Amino acid sequence: MSIRIRVSLVSVAVSIGASASLVPVGTAVAPVEAAETAEARVERTIKGKAITESSGLARSTYSRPVLFTHNDSGDSARVFAVSKAGRTRAVLRLKGASAVDWEDISTGPEHSVWVGDIGDNGRSREQITVYRFTEPKRLPRRGRTVKVATKKYTFTYPDRPRDAEALLVHPRTGRLFIVTKSAEGDPGIYRAPKKLSRSSTNTLKRIADAPLKITAGTFSPDGKTRVLSSYTTAYTYRKFAGRPASVTLPTRRQGESLEVNRRGTEVLLGSEGEKSPVLAIAMTTPPS
């Protein structure tokens, strides 16, 4: 049975443009004014007993309704493939990886999947880590485990350690972005070098300010839209430039994940907790 939840929309934007200049750091960015009401529905419920703190969502790079997720800190280095029915179809164990504080997951070009070990509540990590692996063309069934080869990349901020929960990878260029989380102060959007090194630490570059308390981020499948979210609000950008549109999100137990569906028509919202629902809200065209 379809469950629908009413949410108050401040406005949601879908990007239709090409690249533009970024907002200068320190520039205040205000959301677009309010407009309409949207509905949310339960797209699937994550039923796997091992998934107790879903902290990221990523669509499959193949034409299948699988979503990838992982637990927050405290689990081993594994990623779960969740079917449309909410069951764990497969468990992907990342060879040579560790899990300090996994916070987000994103898919990129060439069937790549990226996992962000980027959490740092104490702001004490001199380096953070992102792991990359190739999504298997065929997934095992019935929750079986398969080991996947993994590439490791380390990153550092240009000034000091920061906490982050949002990892975005452009689906066409593969460019990586990390958005820091802060309840006050100066949260920012950071871009990784165009060419990543595995033999040395990659320095992130701050390119724009971010809204407060960002917990997740993603690109639309065509790469033209960026979506960031906090526990209560989602911000949709044409680029990381200009004013984002914003939408008030439905109440979740602890909303730390989001993804855009394969058609680019809905934003999928996840939360922590056992048997957590994945909600879907509509994406709409932004004002000019």
Protein backbone atom coordinates (compact mmCIF):
# COMPACT_ATOMS: atom_id res chain seq x y z
CA MET A 1 0.00 0.00 0.00
CA SER A 2 1.34 3.41 -0.91
CA ILE A 3 1.91 5.74 2.04
CA ARG A 4 1.94 9.47 1.34
CA ILE A 5 3.22 12.23 3.59
CA ARG A 6 2.51 15.90 3.05
CA VAL A 7 5.54 18.17 3.16
CA SER A 8 5.81 21.93 2.92
CA LEU A 9 7.79 22.96 -0.15
CA VAL A 10 9.84 26.09 -0.01
CA SER A 11 10.80 25.13 -3.60
CA VAL A 12 12.75 22.44 -5.38
CA ALA A 13 14.95 23.00 -8.40
CA VAL A 14 16.11 20.82 -11.26
CA SER A 15 19.10 22.02 -13.20
CA ILE A 16 18.92 22.42 -16.94
CA GLY A 17 22.05 24.46 -17.55
CA ALA A 18 25.72 23.85 -18.16
CA SER A 19 28.57 24.88 -15.90
CA ALA A 20 28.75 28.39 -14.44
CA SER A 21 31.08 30.30 -12.16
CA LEU A 22 31.04 29.37 -8.51
CA VAL A 23 29.80 31.56 -5.68
CA PRO A 24 32.79 33.30 -4.06
CA VAL A 25 33.62 31.98 -0.61
CA GLY A 26 31.99 34.13 2.03
CA THR A 27 29.04 35.06 -0.17
CA ALA A 28 25.68 34.65 1.58
CA VAL A 29 23.36 32.43 -0.45
CA ALA A 30 19.65 32.66 0.27
CA PRO A 31 17.09 30.01 -0.73
CA VAL A 32 14.36 30.76 -3.24
CA GLU A 33 11.09 31.94 -1.73
CA ALA A 34 8.29 29.52 -0.96
CA ALA A 35 5.81 28.22 -3.42
CA GLU A 36 3.86 24.98 -3.12
CA THR A 37 3.26 21.71 -1.29
CA ALA A 38 4.70 18.35 -2.33
CA GLU A 39 3.92 14.79 -1.33
CA ALA A 40 6.32 12.10 -0.13
CA ARG A 41 5.83 8.38 -0.57
CA VAL A 42 7.63 5.32 0.76
CA GLU A 43 9.77 4.17 -2.16
CA ARG A 44 11.09 1.10 -0.31
CA THR A 45 11.82 -0.03 3.25
CA ILE A 46 15.32 -1.31 4.05
CA LYS A 47 14.67 -4.67 5.72
CA GLY A 48 18.14 -6.16 6.15
CA LYS A 49 18.83 -6.89 9.82
CA ALA A 50 22.49 -5.94 9.46
CA ILE A 51 21.59 -2.44 8.22
CA THR A 52 20.94 -0.59 11.47
CA GLU A 53 22.44 2.85 10.72
CA SER A 54 22.02 3.53 7.01
CA SER A 55 24.21 6.58 6.45
CA GLY A 56 24.31 6.90 2.66
CA LEU A 57 22.38 6.05 -0.50
CA ALA A 58 23.60 5.57 -4.07
CA ARG A 59 21.79 4.30 -7.16
CA SER A 60 23.26 1.42 -9.16
CA THR A 61 25.33 2.32 -12.20
CA TYR A 62 23.45 -0.40 -14.10
CA SER A 63 19.79 -0.38 -15.18
CA ARG A 64 18.49 -2.09 -12.06
CA PRO A 65 16.54 -0.69 -9.09
CA VAL A 66 19.32 -1.46 -6.59
CA LEU A 67 20.36 1.13 -4.02
CA PHE A 68 23.68 0.87 -2.22
CA THR A 69 23.97 1.80 1.45
CA HIS A 70 26.32 1.30 4.39
CA ASN A 71 26.24 1.64 8.15
CA ASP A 72 27.67 4.58 10.07
CA SER A 73 30.72 4.10 12.31
CA GLY A 74 31.09 0.81 14.14
CA ASP A 75 30.63 -1.59 11.22
CA SER A 76 33.19 -3.35 9.04
CA ALA A 77 34.13 -2.19 5.54
CA ARG A 78 31.07 -3.42 3.68
CA VAL A 79 28.40 -2.05 1.38
CA PHE A 80 24.88 -3.44 1.05
CA ALA A 81 23.00 -3.75 -2.25
CA VAL A 82 19.30 -3.27 -1.45
CA SER A 83 16.59 -4.46 -3.84
CA LYS A 84 13.36 -2.63 -4.70
CA ALA A 85 11.64 -4.92 -2.20
CA GLY A 86 14.03 -3.68 0.48
CA ARG A 87 15.91 -6.94 0.87
CA THR A 88 19.69 -7.24 0.98
CA ARG A 89 20.52 -8.68 -2.42
CA ALA A 90 24.29 -8.74 -1.86
CA VAL A 91 27.00 -7.60 0.54
CA LEU A 92 30.12 -6.11 -1.02
CA ARG A 93 33.19 -6.36 1.21
CA LEU A 94 35.90 -3.85 0.35
CA LYS A 95 39.29 -5.55 0.31
CA GLY A 96 42.02 -3.59 2.08
CA ALA A 97 39.59 -0.98 3.41
CA SER A 98 38.76 0.03 6.98
CA ALA A 99 35.77 1.87 8.40
CA VAL A 100 36.56 4.68 10.83
CA ASP A 101 33.50 6.86 10.23
CA TRP A 102 31.77 6.10 6.92
CA GLU A 103 29.26 8.85 6.16
CA ASP A 104 28.23 8.81 2.49
CA ILE A 105 28.36 6.83 -0.75
CA SER A 106 28.15 7.93 -4.37
CA THR A 107 28.30 6.33 -7.80
CA GLY A 108 30.34 7.80 -10.64
CA PRO A 109 31.36 7.11 -14.23
CA GLU A 110 32.68 3.76 -15.49
CA HIS A 111 30.53 1.87 -12.96
CA SER A 112 32.54 3.30 -10.06
CA VAL A 113 31.25 3.40 -6.48
CA TRP A 114 32.83 5.75 -3.94
CA VAL A 115 32.57 5.46 -0.14
CA GLY A 116 33.44 8.45 2.04
CA ASP A 117 35.22 7.73 5.34
CA ILE A 118 34.96 11.45 6.03
CA GLY A 119 33.28 11.79 9.44
CA ASP A 120 35.25 13.61 12.13
CA ASN A 121 33.10 14.70 15.06
CA GLY A 122 36.18 15.69 17.07
CA ARG A 123 37.75 17.62 14.19
CA SER A 124 41.00 15.75 14.84
CA ARG A 125 41.69 13.66 11.71
CA GLU A 126 44.67 14.98 9.76
CA GLN A 127 43.50 12.97 6.76
CA ILE A 128 40.20 11.56 5.57
CA THR A 129 39.74 8.67 3.15
CA VAL A 130 37.57 7.86 0.17
CA TYR A 131 37.44 4.33 -1.26
CA ARG A 132 36.59 3.48 -4.85
CA PHE A 133 35.52 0.13 -6.28
CA THR A 134 33.85 -1.08 -9.46
CA GLU A 135 30.25 -2.21 -9.19
CA PRO A 136 29.96 -5.88 -10.19
CA LYS A 137 28.04 -6.41 -13.42
CA ARG A 138 26.26 -9.31 -11.78
CA LEU A 139 25.35 -9.25 -8.11
CA PRO A 140 25.04 -12.40 -6.01
CA ARG A 141 21.60 -13.12 -4.61
CA ARG A 142 20.13 -13.83 -1.18
CA GLY A 143 22.47 -11.52 0.64
CA ARG A 144 25.65 -13.38 -0.22
CA THR A 145 28.99 -11.67 0.28
CA VAL A 146 31.45 -10.89 -2.51
CA LYS A 147 34.86 -9.26 -2.10
CA VAL A 148 35.67 -6.32 -4.37
CA ALA A 149 39.03 -4.78 -5.22
CA THR A 150 39.36 -1.30 -3.73
CA LYS A 151 41.37 1.84 -4.45
CA LYS A 152 42.16 4.18 -1.56
CA TYR A 153 42.51 7.97 -1.77
CA THR A 154 43.43 10.25 1.13
CA PHE A 155 42.47 13.91 1.42
CA THR A 156 43.25 16.88 3.62
CA TYR A 157 41.56 20.25 4.01
CA PRO A 158 43.56 23.38 3.13
CA ASP A 159 43.35 24.82 6.65
CA ARG A 160 42.31 22.44 9.44
CA PRO A 161 40.41 19.19 10.12
CA ARG A 162 36.66 19.37 9.58
CA ASP A 163 33.66 17.10 10.01
CA ALA A 164 31.79 16.07 6.85
CA GLU A 165 28.90 13.78 5.98
CA ALA A 166 28.27 14.57 2.29
CA LEU A 167 30.24 13.09 -0.62
CA LEU A 168 29.31 13.88 -4.24
CA VAL A 169 30.87 12.42 -7.39
CA HIS A 170 29.95 13.87 -10.77
CA PRO A 171 28.39 11.04 -12.81
CA ARG A 172 30.14 12.06 -16.03
CA THR A 173 33.43 13.73 -15.11
CA GLY A 174 34.11 11.78 -11.91
CA ARG A 175 35.04 15.01 -10.06
CA LEU A 176 34.72 14.55 -6.29
CA PHE A 177 33.20 17.06 -3.84
CA ILE A 178 32.94 16.99 -0.04
CA VAL A 179 30.60 19.23 1.94
CA THR A 180 31.47 19.91 5.57
CA LYS A 181 28.93 19.85 8.38
CA SER A 182 28.59 22.56 11.00
CA ALA A 183 25.77 23.87 13.18
CA GLU A 184 27.44 27.27 13.13
CA GLY A 185 30.60 28.81 11.79
CA ASP A 186 31.74 28.25 8.22
CA PRO A 187 30.59 25.01 6.54
CA GLY A 188 31.89 24.79 3.00
CA ILE A 189 31.83 22.96 -0.30
CA TYR A 190 35.23 21.50 -1.19
CA ARG A 191 36.42 20.20 -4.55
CA ALA A 192 39.06 17.52 -5.03
CA PRO A 193 41.81 17.82 -7.64
CA LYS A 194 40.79 16.87 -11.16
CA LYS A 195 43.35 14.06 -11.18
CA LEU A 196 43.58 12.12 -7.94
CA SER A 197 46.77 10.66 -6.55
CA ARG A 198 46.97 7.33 -4.73
CA SER A 199 50.60 7.77 -3.70
CA SER A 200 50.20 11.11 -1.92
CA THR A 201 47.53 13.05 -0.04
CA ASN A 202 45.14 15.10 -2.16
CA THR A 203 44.42 18.65 -0.94
CA LEU A 204 40.80 19.80 -1.16
CA LYS A 205 39.94 23.31 -2.33
CA ARG A 206 37.12 25.33 -0.82
CA ILE A 207 34.95 26.66 -3.65
CA ALA A 208 31.77 27.90 -1.95
CA ASP A 209 29.95 28.23 1.36
CA ALA A 210 27.43 25.55 2.35
CA PRO A 211 24.18 25.66 4.33
CA LEU A 212 24.33 24.62 7.98
CA LYS A 213 24.19 20.99 9.17
CA ILE A 214 24.53 19.28 5.77
CA THR A 215 24.31 15.50 6.18
CA ALA A 216 24.13 14.25 2.57
CA GLY A 217 24.61 15.25 -1.05
CA THR A 218 24.25 13.91 -4.58
CA PHE A 219 24.18 14.73 -8.29
CA SER A 220 21.31 13.97 -10.64
CA PRO A 221 22.11 11.24 -13.21
CA ASP A 222 22.86 13.80 -15.94
CA GLY A 223 25.15 15.77 -13.62
CA LYS A 224 23.24 19.02 -14.07
CA THR A 225 21.68 19.19 -10.61
CA ARG A 226 23.27 19.16 -7.16
CA VAL A 227 21.21 18.34 -4.07
CA LEU A 228 22.37 18.85 -0.47
CA SER A 229 20.33 18.14 2.64
CA SER A 230 20.31 18.61 6.38
CA TYR A 231 18.03 16.73 8.78
CA THR A 232 15.16 19.07 7.93
CA THR A 233 15.86 20.78 4.60
CA ALA A 234 17.05 19.91 1.08
CA TYR A 235 18.81 22.45 -1.13
CA THR A 236 18.83 22.02 -4.89
CA TYR A 237 21.33 23.90 -7.06
CA ARG A 238 21.64 24.57 -10.75
CA LYS A 239 25.34 24.81 -9.91
CA PHE A 240 27.16 25.64 -6.71
CA ALA A 241 26.34 29.22 -7.71
CA GLY A 242 23.41 31.54 -7.18
CA ARG A 243 20.56 30.85 -4.79
CA PRO A 244 19.59 27.24 -4.08
CA ALA A 245 15.95 26.27 -3.92
CA SER A 246 14.93 24.57 -0.66
CA VAL A 247 12.34 22.10 0.49
CA THR A 248 11.21 21.26 4.01
CA LEU A 249 11.65 17.51 4.43
CA PRO A 250 9.29 15.03 6.08
CA THR A 251 10.14 13.94 9.61
CA ARG A 252 12.65 11.08 9.74
CA ARG A 253 14.30 9.29 12.64
CA GLN A 254 17.73 10.64 11.64
CA GLY A 255 17.94 11.71 8.03
CA GLU A 256 21.52 11.24 6.87
CA SER A 257 21.20 10.11 3.26
CA LEU A 258 19.70 11.03 -0.09
CA GLU A 259 19.87 10.15 -3.77
CA VAL A 260 18.17 11.21 -7.00
CA ASN A 261 16.31 8.45 -8.85
CA ARG A 262 17.47 7.19 -12.23
CA ARG A 263 15.04 9.37 -14.19
CA GLY A 264 15.97 12.52 -12.26
CA THR A 265 12.35 13.04 -11.24
CA GLU A 266 12.49 12.30 -7.50
CA VAL A 267 14.78 12.81 -4.52
CA LEU A 268 15.10 9.69 -2.35
CA LEU A 269 15.55 10.27 1.38
CA GLY A 270 16.95 7.70 3.80
CA SER A 271 17.34 7.57 7.57
CA GLU A 272 19.14 5.58 10.23
CA GLY A 273 17.49 2.83 12.26
CA GLU A 274 16.29 -0.72 11.68
CA LYS A 275 13.74 -1.22 8.89
CA SER A 276 14.15 2.39 7.83
CA PRO A 277 11.92 3.70 5.02
CA VAL A 278 13.30 5.41 1.93
CA LEU A 279 10.99 8.31 1.10
CA ALA A 280 10.60 9.91 -2.33
CA ILE A 281 9.71 13.54 -3.02
CA ALA A 282 9.29 15.17 -6.42
CA MET A 283 11.91 17.26 -8.19
CA THR A 284 10.46 20.32 -9.91
CA THR A 285 11.71 22.91 -12.40
CA PRO A 286 13.36 25.93 -10.72
CA PRO A 287 12.23 29.50 -11.22
CA SER A 288 14.18 31.38 -13.87
